Amino acid sequence: MKQSIKELIMRIIILFLGLTIAHLGVTLFLLANLGADPFNVLVQGIFRTLSSFSDWSLLTHGNTHIVICFLIIIALLFIDRTYIKIGTILCMIFGGPIIDFFTAILSAPFENMNSMILKIIVNGIGCIILAFGMTIVMKSDAGTGPNDLVAIVLSDKLKKNFGIVRIIVDVSFVVIGFILGGSLGIGTLICAFLVGPVANVFLPFNEKWIHNLLQNK
């Protein structure tokens, strides 16, 4: 029992490492100011649609994000609850504060960034860092973000390449969100088509070192 608890703690520590790296990437992505990531385009679209019918004070972008995350988790509980782990909840709770932390540190250098080429480079670097951190979270096997779960579940159930499924999921989020009123930019499209394939490259590497680390615990 002690060993299993120790392993769980190590997996959660690895998850937080990946979560921190991934959200550093998201922060760079957001500071480039070329559009929201695909999942937040979906959230934005749903939020704006609901706002057009109600001015309820609790109806905010952040609360809409949390509710959508919970709905995805609830749906997956009916599909296959083995995909839902403690890390899924941790990702949902701590993702926002990590972005706020990095934003406070990094926002000043990007305030006067006007070059489109530089913005695209920063956006691309952010997507690559996001993909690297995301795969650490996935291979921690302690859980992952609700939006990533959609791609993981579909990839496993359909026996398809994760990178391709991730593109399909991200593009679907973008299309649905845009139809509902979400805004997007070139950065959104870069993220939609880049993160999945890059994550596919990082998956074997992160799986190997995490496995070795846990074997030597």
N, C-alpha and C. Protein backbone atom coordinates (compact mmCIF):
# COMPACT_ATOMS: atom_id res chain seq x y z
N MET A 1 0.83 -1.21 0.00
CA MET A 1 0.00 0.00 0.00
C MET A 1 0.87 1.26 0.00
N LYS A 2 1.96 1.22 0.85
CA LYS A 2 2.83 2.38 0.91
C LYS A 2 3.48 2.67 -0.44
N GLN A 3 3.86 1.60 -1.13
CA GLN A 3 4.49 1.78 -2.43
C GLN A 3 3.51 2.41 -3.42
N SER A 4 2.25 1.97 -3.40
CA SER A 4 1.27 2.50 -4.34
C SER A 4 0.99 3.98 -4.06
N ILE A 5 0.97 4.35 -2.78
CA ILE A 5 0.76 5.75 -2.42
C ILE A 5 1.95 6.58 -2.87
N LYS A 6 3.16 6.04 -2.67
CA LYS A 6 4.37 6.74 -3.09
C LYS A 6 4.37 6.94 -4.60
N GLU A 7 3.96 5.91 -5.33
CA GLU A 7 3.92 6.01 -6.79
C GLU A 7 2.90 7.05 -7.24
N LEU A 8 1.74 7.07 -6.58
CA LEU A 8 0.71 8.05 -6.92
C LEU A 8 1.23 9.46 -6.70
N ILE A 9 1.93 9.67 -5.57
CA ILE A 9 2.49 10.99 -5.28
C ILE A 9 3.49 11.39 -6.36
N MET A 10 4.35 10.44 -6.77
CA MET A 10 5.33 10.72 -7.81
C MET A 10 4.66 11.06 -9.13
N ARG A 11 3.59 10.33 -9.45
CA ARG A 11 2.86 10.59 -10.70
C ARG A 11 2.22 11.97 -10.67
N ILE A 12 1.71 12.38 -9.51
CA ILE A 12 1.09 13.70 -9.39
C ILE A 12 2.15 14.79 -9.52
N ILE A 13 3.35 14.54 -8.93
CA ILE A 13 4.45 15.51 -9.07
C ILE A 13 4.84 15.66 -10.54
N ILE A 14 4.93 14.53 -11.25
CA ILE A 14 5.26 14.56 -12.68
C ILE A 14 4.17 15.30 -13.45
N LEU A 15 2.91 15.03 -13.07
CA LEU A 15 1.79 15.72 -13.71
C LEU A 15 1.91 17.23 -13.54
N PHE A 16 2.24 17.69 -12.32
CA PHE A 16 2.36 19.12 -12.08
C PHE A 16 3.52 19.72 -12.86
N LEU A 17 4.60 18.95 -13.02
CA LEU A 17 5.71 19.41 -13.84
C LEU A 17 5.23 19.65 -15.27
N GLY A 18 4.53 18.66 -15.82
CA GLY A 18 4.00 18.79 -17.17
C GLY A 18 2.98 19.90 -17.28
N LEU A 19 2.14 20.02 -16.26
CA LEU A 19 1.09 21.05 -16.26
C LEU A 19 1.71 22.45 -16.27
N THR A 20 2.79 22.62 -15.50
CA THR A 20 3.48 23.90 -15.45
C THR A 20 4.12 24.24 -16.79
N ILE A 21 4.78 23.25 -17.39
CA ILE A 21 5.40 23.46 -18.71
C ILE A 21 4.35 23.76 -19.76
N ALA A 22 3.27 22.98 -19.76
CA ALA A 22 2.20 23.16 -20.75
C ALA A 22 1.60 24.55 -20.66
N HIS A 23 1.37 25.03 -19.45
CA HIS A 23 0.73 26.34 -19.30
C HIS A 23 1.70 27.49 -19.48
N LEU A 24 3.00 27.22 -19.40
CA LEU A 24 3.97 28.22 -19.86
C LEU A 24 3.78 28.42 -21.37
N GLY A 25 3.60 27.30 -22.07
CA GLY A 25 3.34 27.37 -23.51
C GLY A 25 2.05 28.10 -23.82
N VAL A 26 1.00 27.81 -23.05
CA VAL A 26 -0.29 28.49 -23.26
C VAL A 26 -0.13 29.99 -23.01
N THR A 27 0.64 30.36 -22.00
CA THR A 27 0.86 31.78 -21.69
C THR A 27 1.55 32.49 -22.85
N LEU A 28 2.59 31.86 -23.40
CA LEU A 28 3.27 32.45 -24.57
C LEU A 28 2.30 32.57 -25.74
N PHE A 29 1.50 31.54 -25.92
CA PHE A 29 0.49 31.52 -26.98
C PHE A 29 -0.46 32.71 -26.83
N LEU A 30 -0.93 32.94 -25.60
CA LEU A 30 -1.87 34.02 -25.34
C LEU A 30 -1.22 35.40 -25.46
N LEU A 31 0.06 35.50 -25.00
CA LEU A 31 0.75 36.79 -25.08
C LEU A 31 1.06 37.20 -26.52
N ALA A 32 1.14 36.21 -27.41
CA ALA A 32 1.34 36.52 -28.83
C ALA A 32 0.11 37.23 -29.40
N ASN A 33 -1.03 37.03 -28.75
CA ASN A 33 -2.26 37.74 -29.09
C ASN A 33 -2.70 37.51 -30.54
N LEU A 34 -2.64 36.24 -30.94
CA LEU A 34 -3.08 35.89 -32.31
C LEU A 34 -4.29 34.98 -32.30
N GLY A 35 -5.03 35.01 -31.21
CA GLY A 35 -6.23 34.18 -31.12
C GLY A 35 -6.16 33.23 -29.94
N ALA A 36 -7.30 32.78 -29.48
CA ALA A 36 -7.37 31.84 -28.37
C ALA A 36 -7.05 30.43 -28.85
N ASP A 37 -6.71 29.55 -27.91
CA ASP A 37 -6.51 28.15 -28.26
C ASP A 37 -7.87 27.54 -28.63
N PRO A 38 -7.89 26.43 -29.38
CA PRO A 38 -9.15 25.86 -29.87
C PRO A 38 -10.21 25.62 -28.80
N PHE A 39 -9.80 25.10 -27.64
CA PHE A 39 -10.79 24.81 -26.61
C PHE A 39 -11.44 26.10 -26.11
N ASN A 40 -10.63 27.16 -25.96
CA ASN A 40 -11.20 28.41 -25.47
C ASN A 40 -12.01 29.15 -26.52
N VAL A 41 -11.78 28.85 -27.80
CA VAL A 41 -12.68 29.37 -28.85
C VAL A 41 -14.06 28.76 -28.65
N LEU A 42 -14.09 27.45 -28.34
CA LEU A 42 -15.35 26.76 -28.06
C LEU A 42 -16.03 27.37 -26.83
N VAL A 43 -15.25 27.55 -25.76
CA VAL A 43 -15.79 28.12 -24.52
C VAL A 43 -16.32 29.52 -24.78
N GLN A 44 -15.55 30.31 -25.51
CA GLN A 44 -15.94 31.69 -25.82
C GLN A 44 -17.25 31.72 -26.61
N GLY A 45 -17.36 30.84 -27.59
CA GLY A 45 -18.58 30.78 -28.40
C GLY A 45 -19.80 30.42 -27.57
N ILE A 46 -19.66 29.41 -26.72
CA ILE A 46 -20.78 29.00 -25.86
C ILE A 46 -21.13 30.10 -24.87
N PHE A 47 -20.10 30.74 -24.30
CA PHE A 47 -20.33 31.84 -23.35
C PHE A 47 -21.08 32.99 -24.02
N ARG A 48 -20.66 33.39 -25.21
CA ARG A 48 -21.32 34.50 -25.91
C ARG A 48 -22.75 34.15 -26.30
N THR A 49 -22.97 32.90 -26.68
CA THR A 49 -24.33 32.47 -27.03
C THR A 49 -25.25 32.52 -25.82
N LEU A 50 -24.75 32.00 -24.68
CA LEU A 50 -25.56 32.01 -23.46
C LEU A 50 -25.78 33.44 -22.97
N SER A 51 -24.77 34.30 -23.15
CA SER A 51 -24.89 35.70 -22.70
C SER A 51 -25.95 36.45 -23.48
N SER A 52 -26.19 36.03 -24.72
CA SER A 52 -27.21 36.71 -25.53
C SER A 52 -28.62 36.41 -25.04
N PHE A 53 -28.76 35.35 -24.21
CA PHE A 53 -30.07 34.98 -23.69
C PHE A 53 -30.24 35.36 -22.22
N SER A 54 -29.10 35.65 -21.55
CA SER A 54 -29.19 35.92 -20.12
C SER A 54 -28.07 36.85 -19.67
N ASP A 55 -28.35 37.67 -18.65
CA ASP A 55 -27.32 38.53 -18.07
C ASP A 55 -27.02 38.08 -16.64
N TRP A 56 -27.18 36.78 -16.40
CA TRP A 56 -26.94 36.19 -15.08
C TRP A 56 -25.52 36.52 -14.62
N SER A 57 -25.37 37.02 -13.40
CA SER A 57 -24.07 37.50 -12.91
C SER A 57 -23.04 36.37 -12.82
N LEU A 58 -23.48 35.16 -12.61
CA LEU A 58 -22.54 34.03 -12.50
C LEU A 58 -22.09 33.51 -13.86
N LEU A 59 -22.70 34.04 -14.91
CA LEU A 59 -22.34 33.61 -16.25
C LEU A 59 -21.11 34.38 -16.72
N THR A 60 -19.93 33.78 -16.51
CA THR A 60 -18.67 34.38 -16.93
C THR A 60 -17.93 33.39 -17.82
N HIS A 61 -16.90 33.88 -18.51
CA HIS A 61 -16.11 32.99 -19.36
C HIS A 61 -15.47 31.88 -18.52
N GLY A 62 -14.92 32.28 -17.35
CA GLY A 62 -14.26 31.30 -16.48
C GLY A 62 -15.22 30.23 -15.99
N ASN A 63 -16.41 30.65 -15.55
CA ASN A 63 -17.39 29.68 -15.07
C ASN A 63 -17.89 28.78 -16.19
N THR A 64 -18.02 29.35 -17.39
CA THR A 64 -18.43 28.54 -18.55
C THR A 64 -17.37 27.48 -18.84
N HIS A 65 -16.10 27.87 -18.73
CA HIS A 65 -14.98 26.95 -18.95
C HIS A 65 -15.06 25.78 -17.97
N ILE A 66 -15.28 26.09 -16.68
CA ILE A 66 -15.35 25.05 -15.66
C ILE A 66 -16.52 24.11 -15.91
N VAL A 67 -17.68 24.67 -16.26
CA VAL A 67 -18.88 23.85 -16.49
C VAL A 67 -18.67 22.91 -17.68
N ILE A 68 -18.07 23.42 -18.76
CA ILE A 68 -17.82 22.57 -19.93
C ILE A 68 -16.85 21.45 -19.57
N CYS A 69 -15.82 21.78 -18.79
CA CYS A 69 -14.87 20.75 -18.33
C CYS A 69 -15.59 19.66 -17.55
N PHE A 70 -16.46 20.07 -16.62
CA PHE A 70 -17.20 19.10 -15.82
C PHE A 70 -18.14 18.26 -16.69
N LEU A 71 -18.76 18.88 -17.69
CA LEU A 71 -19.67 18.13 -18.57
C LEU A 71 -18.90 17.08 -19.37
N ILE A 72 -17.68 17.43 -19.81
CA ILE A 72 -16.85 16.46 -20.52
C ILE A 72 -16.50 15.30 -19.60
N ILE A 73 -16.13 15.63 -18.36
CA ILE A 73 -15.80 14.58 -17.39
C ILE A 73 -17.00 13.68 -17.13
N ILE A 74 -18.16 14.28 -16.94
CA ILE A 74 -19.38 13.50 -16.69
C ILE A 74 -19.69 12.59 -17.87
N ALA A 75 -19.55 13.11 -19.10
CA ALA A 75 -19.80 12.31 -20.29
C ALA A 75 -18.85 11.12 -20.35
N LEU A 76 -17.58 11.36 -20.02
CA LEU A 76 -16.59 10.29 -20.08
C LEU A 76 -16.81 9.26 -18.98
N LEU A 77 -17.43 9.65 -17.88
CA LEU A 77 -17.76 8.69 -16.82
C LEU A 77 -18.71 7.62 -17.35
N PHE A 78 -19.58 8.02 -18.27
CA PHE A 78 -20.52 7.06 -18.86
C PHE A 78 -19.86 6.23 -19.96
N ILE A 79 -18.84 6.80 -20.62
CA ILE A 79 -18.16 6.09 -21.71
C ILE A 79 -17.14 5.10 -21.16
N ASP A 80 -16.24 5.60 -20.32
CA ASP A 80 -15.21 4.74 -19.73
C ASP A 80 -14.56 5.51 -18.58
N ARG A 81 -14.97 5.20 -17.37
CA ARG A 81 -14.52 5.98 -16.21
C ARG A 81 -13.05 5.79 -15.88
N THR A 82 -12.39 4.80 -16.49
CA THR A 82 -10.97 4.58 -16.21
C THR A 82 -10.11 5.76 -16.71
N TYR A 83 -10.68 6.56 -17.60
CA TYR A 83 -9.94 7.71 -18.12
C TYR A 83 -9.95 8.89 -17.15
N ILE A 84 -10.87 8.88 -16.18
CA ILE A 84 -11.00 9.97 -15.24
C ILE A 84 -10.19 9.67 -13.99
N LYS A 85 -9.18 10.51 -13.72
CA LYS A 85 -8.31 10.30 -12.56
C LYS A 85 -8.18 11.59 -11.78
N ILE A 86 -7.50 11.50 -10.64
CA ILE A 86 -7.37 12.68 -9.77
C ILE A 86 -6.70 13.85 -10.50
N GLY A 87 -5.77 13.53 -11.39
CA GLY A 87 -5.07 14.58 -12.12
C GLY A 87 -5.98 15.37 -13.04
N THR A 88 -7.07 14.77 -13.49
CA THR A 88 -8.02 15.48 -14.34
C THR A 88 -8.60 16.68 -13.60
N ILE A 89 -8.98 16.46 -12.35
CA ILE A 89 -9.52 17.54 -11.54
C ILE A 89 -8.43 18.56 -11.21
N LEU A 90 -7.23 18.08 -10.91
CA LEU A 90 -6.12 18.99 -10.59
C LEU A 90 -5.79 19.89 -11.78
N CYS A 91 -5.81 19.31 -12.99
CA CYS A 91 -5.54 20.11 -14.19
C CYS A 91 -6.55 21.23 -14.33
N MET A 92 -7.80 20.91 -14.06
CA MET A 92 -8.86 21.88 -14.22
C MET A 92 -8.76 22.99 -13.18
N ILE A 93 -8.34 22.64 -11.95
CA ILE A 93 -8.28 23.61 -10.87
C ILE A 93 -7.06 24.53 -10.99
N PHE A 94 -5.90 23.95 -11.34
CA PHE A 94 -4.65 24.70 -11.26
C PHE A 94 -4.18 25.31 -12.58
N GLY A 95 -4.79 24.94 -13.70
CA GLY A 95 -4.36 25.48 -14.99
C GLY A 95 -4.43 26.99 -15.05
N GLY A 96 -5.56 27.55 -14.65
CA GLY A 96 -5.76 29.00 -14.68
C GLY A 96 -4.76 29.76 -13.82
N PRO A 97 -4.59 29.39 -12.54
CA PRO A 97 -3.62 30.09 -11.70
C PRO A 97 -2.19 30.03 -12.24
N ILE A 98 -1.81 28.91 -12.86
CA ILE A 98 -0.45 28.81 -13.43
C ILE A 98 -0.29 29.81 -14.57
N ILE A 99 -1.32 29.94 -15.41
CA ILE A 99 -1.28 30.92 -16.51
C ILE A 99 -1.18 32.33 -15.95
N ASP A 100 -1.94 32.62 -14.88
CA ASP A 100 -1.90 33.95 -14.26
C ASP A 100 -0.49 34.24 -13.72
N PHE A 101 0.15 33.23 -13.13
CA PHE A 101 1.50 33.39 -12.59
C PHE A 101 2.49 33.75 -13.68
N PHE A 102 2.48 32.98 -14.78
CA PHE A 102 3.41 33.24 -15.87
C PHE A 102 3.09 34.56 -16.59
N THR A 103 1.82 34.89 -16.67
CA THR A 103 1.42 36.14 -17.33
C THR A 103 1.97 37.35 -16.59
N ALA A 104 1.91 37.29 -15.25
CA ALA A 104 2.41 38.40 -14.43
C ALA A 104 3.91 38.59 -14.64
N ILE A 105 4.63 37.49 -14.88
CA ILE A 105 6.08 37.55 -15.05
C ILE A 105 6.46 37.97 -16.47
N LEU A 106 5.72 37.46 -17.46
CA LEU A 106 6.14 37.60 -18.85
C LEU A 106 5.43 38.68 -19.65
N SER A 107 4.37 39.25 -19.11
CA SER A 107 3.56 40.18 -19.91
C SER A 107 4.33 41.43 -20.34
N ALA A 108 5.17 41.96 -19.44
CA ALA A 108 5.89 43.21 -19.75
C ALA A 108 6.73 43.13 -21.02
N PRO A 109 7.53 42.09 -21.22
CA PRO A 109 8.36 42.03 -22.44
C PRO A 109 7.55 41.94 -23.73
N PHE A 110 6.28 41.53 -23.62
CA PHE A 110 5.49 41.33 -24.83
C PHE A 110 4.52 42.48 -25.10
N GLU A 111 4.48 43.48 -24.21
CA GLU A 111 3.51 44.57 -24.35
C GLU A 111 3.66 45.34 -25.66
N ASN A 112 4.90 45.55 -26.08
CA ASN A 112 5.15 46.35 -27.28
C ASN A 112 5.58 45.50 -28.48
N MET A 113 5.18 44.24 -28.46
CA MET A 113 5.54 43.35 -29.57
C MET A 113 4.57 43.58 -30.72
N ASN A 114 5.03 44.26 -31.76
CA ASN A 114 4.17 44.62 -32.88
C ASN A 114 4.46 43.82 -34.15
N SER A 115 5.61 43.18 -34.22
CA SER A 115 5.98 42.43 -35.41
C SER A 115 5.16 41.16 -35.54
N MET A 116 4.45 41.02 -36.67
CA MET A 116 3.63 39.84 -36.90
C MET A 116 4.49 38.58 -36.97
N ILE A 117 5.67 38.70 -37.61
CA ILE A 117 6.57 37.54 -37.72
C ILE A 117 7.00 37.08 -36.33
N LEU A 118 7.34 38.03 -35.46
CA LEU A 118 7.76 37.70 -34.10
C LEU A 118 6.60 37.07 -33.32
N LYS A 119 5.40 37.60 -33.53
CA LYS A 119 4.23 37.04 -32.85
C LYS A 119 3.99 35.60 -33.27
N ILE A 120 4.12 35.33 -34.56
CA ILE A 120 3.92 33.97 -35.07
C ILE A 120 4.97 33.02 -34.50
N ILE A 121 6.23 33.51 -34.40
CA ILE A 121 7.31 32.69 -33.83
C ILE A 121 7.01 32.37 -32.36
N VAL A 122 6.61 33.39 -31.60
CA VAL A 122 6.28 33.19 -30.18
C VAL A 122 5.10 32.24 -30.05
N ASN A 123 4.10 32.41 -30.92
CA ASN A 123 2.94 31.54 -30.92
C ASN A 123 3.34 30.10 -31.17
N GLY A 124 4.21 29.89 -32.17
CA GLY A 124 4.66 28.54 -32.50
C GLY A 124 5.47 27.92 -31.38
N ILE A 125 6.36 28.71 -30.76
CA ILE A 125 7.14 28.22 -29.62
C ILE A 125 6.21 27.83 -28.48
N GLY A 126 5.20 28.67 -28.25
CA GLY A 126 4.22 28.37 -27.20
C GLY A 126 3.51 27.05 -27.46
N CYS A 127 3.14 26.81 -28.71
CA CYS A 127 2.45 25.57 -29.07
C CYS A 127 3.34 24.35 -28.85
N ILE A 128 4.63 24.49 -29.19
CA ILE A 128 5.58 23.38 -29.01
C ILE A 128 5.78 23.08 -27.53
N ILE A 129 5.94 24.14 -26.72
CA ILE A 129 6.09 23.95 -25.27
C ILE A 129 4.82 23.34 -24.69
N LEU A 130 3.66 23.80 -25.16
CA LEU A 130 2.38 23.23 -24.73
C LEU A 130 2.33 21.74 -25.03
N ALA A 131 2.72 21.35 -26.25
CA ALA A 131 2.68 19.94 -26.64
C ALA A 131 3.61 19.10 -25.79
N PHE A 132 4.81 19.64 -25.49
CA PHE A 132 5.78 18.92 -24.67
C PHE A 132 5.23 18.70 -23.26
N GLY A 133 4.73 19.77 -22.64
CA GLY A 133 4.17 19.65 -21.29
C GLY A 133 2.94 18.76 -21.25
N MET A 134 2.12 18.88 -22.28
CA MET A 134 0.90 18.09 -22.34
C MET A 134 1.20 16.59 -22.36
N THR A 135 2.25 16.20 -23.09
CA THR A 135 2.58 14.78 -23.17
C THR A 135 3.18 14.26 -21.86
N ILE A 136 3.85 15.14 -21.09
CA ILE A 136 4.31 14.74 -19.76
C ILE A 136 3.10 14.47 -18.87
N VAL A 137 2.12 15.36 -18.94
CA VAL A 137 0.89 15.16 -18.17
C VAL A 137 0.22 13.85 -18.56
N MET A 138 0.11 13.60 -19.84
CA MET A 138 -0.53 12.37 -20.32
C MET A 138 0.19 11.13 -19.84
N LYS A 139 1.54 11.14 -19.93
CA LYS A 139 2.31 9.95 -19.57
C LYS A 139 2.55 9.81 -18.07
N SER A 140 2.16 10.84 -17.29
CA SER A 140 2.20 10.69 -15.83
C SER A 140 1.18 9.65 -15.39
N ASP A 141 0.18 9.44 -16.22
CA ASP A 141 -0.90 8.49 -15.95
C ASP A 141 -1.62 8.81 -14.64
N ALA A 142 -1.64 10.11 -14.31
CA ALA A 142 -2.38 10.54 -13.12
C ALA A 142 -3.62 11.33 -13.53
N GLY A 143 -3.82 11.48 -14.83
CA GLY A 143 -4.93 12.24 -15.36
C GLY A 143 -4.45 13.30 -16.32
N THR A 144 -5.36 13.97 -16.97
CA THR A 144 -4.99 15.05 -17.89
C THR A 144 -6.16 16.01 -18.02
N GLY A 145 -5.96 17.09 -18.75
CA GLY A 145 -7.02 18.07 -18.91
C GLY A 145 -8.23 17.49 -19.63
N PRO A 146 -9.43 17.95 -19.27
CA PRO A 146 -10.66 17.40 -19.88
C PRO A 146 -10.67 17.48 -21.40
N ASN A 147 -10.15 18.58 -21.97
CA ASN A 147 -10.15 18.68 -23.43
C ASN A 147 -9.18 17.68 -24.06
N ASP A 148 -8.03 17.43 -23.40
CA ASP A 148 -7.11 16.43 -23.92
C ASP A 148 -7.72 15.03 -23.83
N LEU A 149 -8.55 14.82 -22.82
CA LEU A 149 -9.18 13.52 -22.65
C LEU A 149 -10.03 13.13 -23.86
N VAL A 150 -10.68 14.12 -24.45
CA VAL A 150 -11.52 13.84 -25.61
C VAL A 150 -10.68 13.20 -26.72
N ALA A 151 -9.50 13.79 -26.98
CA ALA A 151 -8.62 13.26 -28.02
C ALA A 151 -8.05 11.89 -27.63
N ILE A 152 -7.69 11.74 -26.36
CA ILE A 152 -7.14 10.46 -25.89
C ILE A 152 -8.16 9.34 -26.02
N VAL A 153 -9.38 9.60 -25.57
CA VAL A 153 -10.42 8.58 -25.61
C VAL A 153 -10.75 8.19 -27.05
N LEU A 154 -10.93 9.18 -27.91
CA LEU A 154 -11.24 8.88 -29.31
C LEU A 154 -10.09 8.13 -29.98
N SER A 155 -8.86 8.54 -29.66
CA SER A 155 -7.69 7.86 -30.24
C SER A 155 -7.64 6.40 -29.81
N ASP A 156 -7.89 6.16 -28.53
CA ASP A 156 -7.86 4.78 -28.01
C ASP A 156 -9.01 3.95 -28.56
N LYS A 157 -10.20 4.50 -28.53
CA LYS A 157 -11.39 3.74 -28.94
C LYS A 157 -11.40 3.44 -30.43
N LEU A 158 -10.90 4.41 -31.23
CA LEU A 158 -10.90 4.23 -32.68
C LEU A 158 -9.61 3.63 -33.19
N LYS A 159 -8.62 3.44 -32.28
CA LYS A 159 -7.32 2.88 -32.66
C LYS A 159 -6.65 3.72 -33.75
N LYS A 160 -6.73 5.04 -33.56
CA LYS A 160 -6.15 5.96 -34.54
C LYS A 160 -4.99 6.73 -33.94
N ASN A 161 -4.14 7.27 -34.81
CA ASN A 161 -2.98 8.06 -34.40
C ASN A 161 -3.43 9.27 -33.58
N PHE A 162 -2.81 9.45 -32.40
CA PHE A 162 -3.22 10.54 -31.50
C PHE A 162 -3.11 11.90 -32.17
N GLY A 163 -1.99 12.13 -32.90
CA GLY A 163 -1.77 13.43 -33.54
C GLY A 163 -2.89 13.80 -34.49
N ILE A 164 -3.34 12.83 -35.28
CA ILE A 164 -4.42 13.09 -36.24
C ILE A 164 -5.74 13.35 -35.51
N VAL A 165 -6.02 12.55 -34.48
CA VAL A 165 -7.27 12.72 -33.72
C VAL A 165 -7.28 14.07 -33.02
N ARG A 166 -6.11 14.46 -32.50
CA ARG A 166 -6.03 15.76 -31.81
C ARG A 166 -6.34 16.90 -32.77
N ILE A 167 -5.85 16.83 -34.00
CA ILE A 167 -6.17 17.85 -35.00
C ILE A 167 -7.68 17.90 -35.24
N ILE A 168 -8.29 16.73 -35.41
CA ILE A 168 -9.73 16.66 -35.68
C ILE A 168 -10.52 17.27 -34.53
N VAL A 169 -10.13 16.93 -33.29
CA VAL A 169 -10.82 17.47 -32.11
C VAL A 169 -10.65 18.98 -32.04
N ASP A 170 -9.41 19.48 -32.22
CA ASP A 170 -9.17 20.92 -32.13
C ASP A 170 -9.91 21.69 -33.22
N VAL A 171 -9.88 21.17 -34.44
CA VAL A 171 -10.59 21.83 -35.54
C VAL A 171 -12.09 21.84 -35.27
N SER A 172 -12.61 20.75 -34.71
CA SER A 172 -14.04 20.68 -34.37
C SER A 172 -14.40 21.74 -33.34
N PHE A 173 -13.55 21.89 -32.31
CA PHE A 173 -13.78 22.91 -31.29
C PHE A 173 -13.80 24.30 -31.93
N VAL A 174 -12.86 24.55 -32.84
CA VAL A 174 -12.76 25.86 -33.49
C VAL A 174 -14.00 26.14 -34.32
N VAL A 175 -14.42 25.17 -35.12
CA VAL A 175 -15.58 25.36 -36.00
C VAL A 175 -16.85 25.60 -35.19
N ILE A 176 -17.09 24.75 -34.18
CA ILE A 176 -18.29 24.91 -33.35
C ILE A 176 -18.26 26.24 -32.60
N GLY A 177 -17.08 26.55 -32.01
CA GLY A 177 -16.96 27.80 -31.27
C GLY A 177 -17.16 29.02 -32.15
N PHE A 178 -16.58 28.98 -33.36
CA PHE A 178 -16.71 30.11 -34.29
C PHE A 178 -18.17 30.29 -34.71
N ILE A 179 -18.87 29.19 -34.98
CA ILE A 179 -20.29 29.27 -35.36
C ILE A 179 -21.12 29.90 -34.24
N LEU A 180 -20.74 29.60 -32.99
CA LEU A 180 -21.48 30.11 -31.84
C LEU A 180 -21.07 31.52 -31.44
N GLY A 181 -20.06 32.07 -32.13
CA GLY A 181 -19.67 33.45 -31.85
C GLY A 181 -18.29 33.64 -31.27
N GLY A 182 -17.52 32.56 -31.18
CA GLY A 182 -16.15 32.67 -30.68
C GLY A 182 -15.25 33.32 -31.71
N SER A 183 -14.22 34.03 -31.25
CA SER A 183 -13.28 34.68 -32.17
C SER A 183 -12.02 33.84 -32.30
N LEU A 184 -11.40 33.91 -33.46
CA LEU A 184 -10.18 33.16 -33.67
C LEU A 184 -9.22 33.98 -34.52
N GLY A 185 -7.96 33.54 -34.53
CA GLY A 185 -6.94 34.22 -35.32
C GLY A 185 -5.99 33.20 -35.89
N ILE A 186 -4.94 33.68 -36.51
CA ILE A 186 -3.98 32.77 -37.12
C ILE A 186 -3.33 31.87 -36.08
N GLY A 187 -3.19 32.40 -34.84
CA GLY A 187 -2.62 31.59 -33.76
C GLY A 187 -3.49 30.40 -33.41
N THR A 188 -4.80 30.58 -33.52
CA THR A 188 -5.73 29.47 -33.27
C THR A 188 -5.50 28.35 -34.26
N LEU A 189 -5.32 28.72 -35.52
CA LEU A 189 -5.12 27.71 -36.57
C LEU A 189 -3.75 27.04 -36.42
N ILE A 190 -2.74 27.82 -36.03
CA ILE A 190 -1.42 27.23 -35.79
C ILE A 190 -1.51 26.18 -34.70
N CYS A 191 -2.21 26.53 -33.63
CA CYS A 191 -2.37 25.62 -32.50
C CYS A 191 -3.14 24.37 -32.90
N ALA A 192 -4.22 24.56 -33.65
CA ALA A 192 -5.07 23.44 -34.05
C ALA A 192 -4.32 22.41 -34.88
N PHE A 193 -3.42 22.86 -35.74
CA PHE A 193 -2.74 21.94 -36.65
C PHE A 193 -1.32 21.56 -36.21
N LEU A 194 -0.80 22.25 -35.17
CA LEU A 194 0.58 21.99 -34.76
C LEU A 194 0.70 21.13 -33.51
N VAL A 195 -0.14 21.38 -32.52
CA VAL A 195 0.01 20.72 -31.21
C VAL A 195 -0.09 19.20 -31.31
N GLY A 196 -1.07 18.69 -32.04
CA GLY A 196 -1.25 17.23 -32.15
C GLY A 196 -0.03 16.52 -32.71
N PRO A 197 0.44 16.90 -33.92
CA PRO A 197 1.61 16.24 -34.50
C PRO A 197 2.87 16.38 -33.65
N VAL A 198 3.08 17.57 -33.04
CA VAL A 198 4.26 17.75 -32.19
C VAL A 198 4.16 16.89 -30.94
N ALA A 199 2.97 16.78 -30.37
CA ALA A 199 2.77 15.91 -29.21
C ALA A 199 3.11 14.47 -29.56
N ASN A 200 2.76 14.06 -30.76
CA ASN A 200 3.06 12.70 -31.22
C ASN A 200 4.56 12.44 -31.21
N VAL A 201 5.35 13.46 -31.52
CA VAL A 201 6.81 13.33 -31.53
C VAL A 201 7.35 13.18 -30.11
N PHE A 202 6.78 13.94 -29.17
CA PHE A 202 7.27 13.95 -27.79
C PHE A 202 6.79 12.74 -26.97
N LEU A 203 5.68 12.13 -27.36
CA LEU A 203 5.09 11.05 -26.54
C LEU A 203 6.06 9.93 -26.21
N PRO A 204 6.78 9.34 -27.19
CA PRO A 204 7.69 8.22 -26.86
C PRO A 204 8.81 8.65 -25.91
N PHE A 205 9.37 9.84 -26.10
CA PHE A 205 10.46 10.33 -25.26
C PHE A 205 9.99 10.49 -23.81
N ASN A 206 8.85 11.15 -23.63
CA ASN A 206 8.36 11.37 -22.27
C ASN A 206 7.88 10.09 -21.62
N GLU A 207 7.34 9.19 -22.42
CA GLU A 207 6.93 7.90 -21.87
C GLU A 207 8.15 7.13 -21.33
N LYS A 208 9.27 7.20 -22.04
CA LYS A 208 10.47 6.45 -21.66
C LYS A 208 11.05 6.94 -20.35
N TRP A 209 11.28 8.28 -20.22
CA TRP A 209 11.93 8.77 -19.01
C TRP A 209 11.02 8.71 -17.80
N ILE A 210 9.72 8.87 -18.01
CA ILE A 210 8.78 8.76 -16.89
C ILE A 210 8.72 7.31 -16.41
N HIS A 211 8.71 6.36 -17.34
CA HIS A 211 8.70 4.94 -16.99
C HIS A 211 9.96 4.58 -16.20
N ASN A 212 11.12 5.06 -16.67
CA ASN A 212 12.38 4.77 -15.99
C ASN A 212 12.40 5.39 -14.60
N LEU A 213 11.88 6.60 -14.48
CA LEU A 213 11.85 7.28 -13.20
C LEU A 213 10.99 6.52 -12.19
N LEU A 214 9.83 6.05 -12.64
CA LEU A 214 8.93 5.32 -11.75
C LEU A 214 9.47 3.94 -11.39
N GLN A 215 10.22 3.34 -12.31
CA GLN A 215 10.82 2.03 -12.05
C GLN A 215 11.91 2.13 -10.99
N ASN A 216 12.55 3.30 -10.90
CA ASN A 216 13.65 3.49 -9.95
C ASN A 216 13.20 4.22 -8.69
N LYS A 217 11.90 4.31 -8.51
CA LYS A 217 11.38 5.07 -7.36
C LYS A 217 11.85 4.45 -6.04
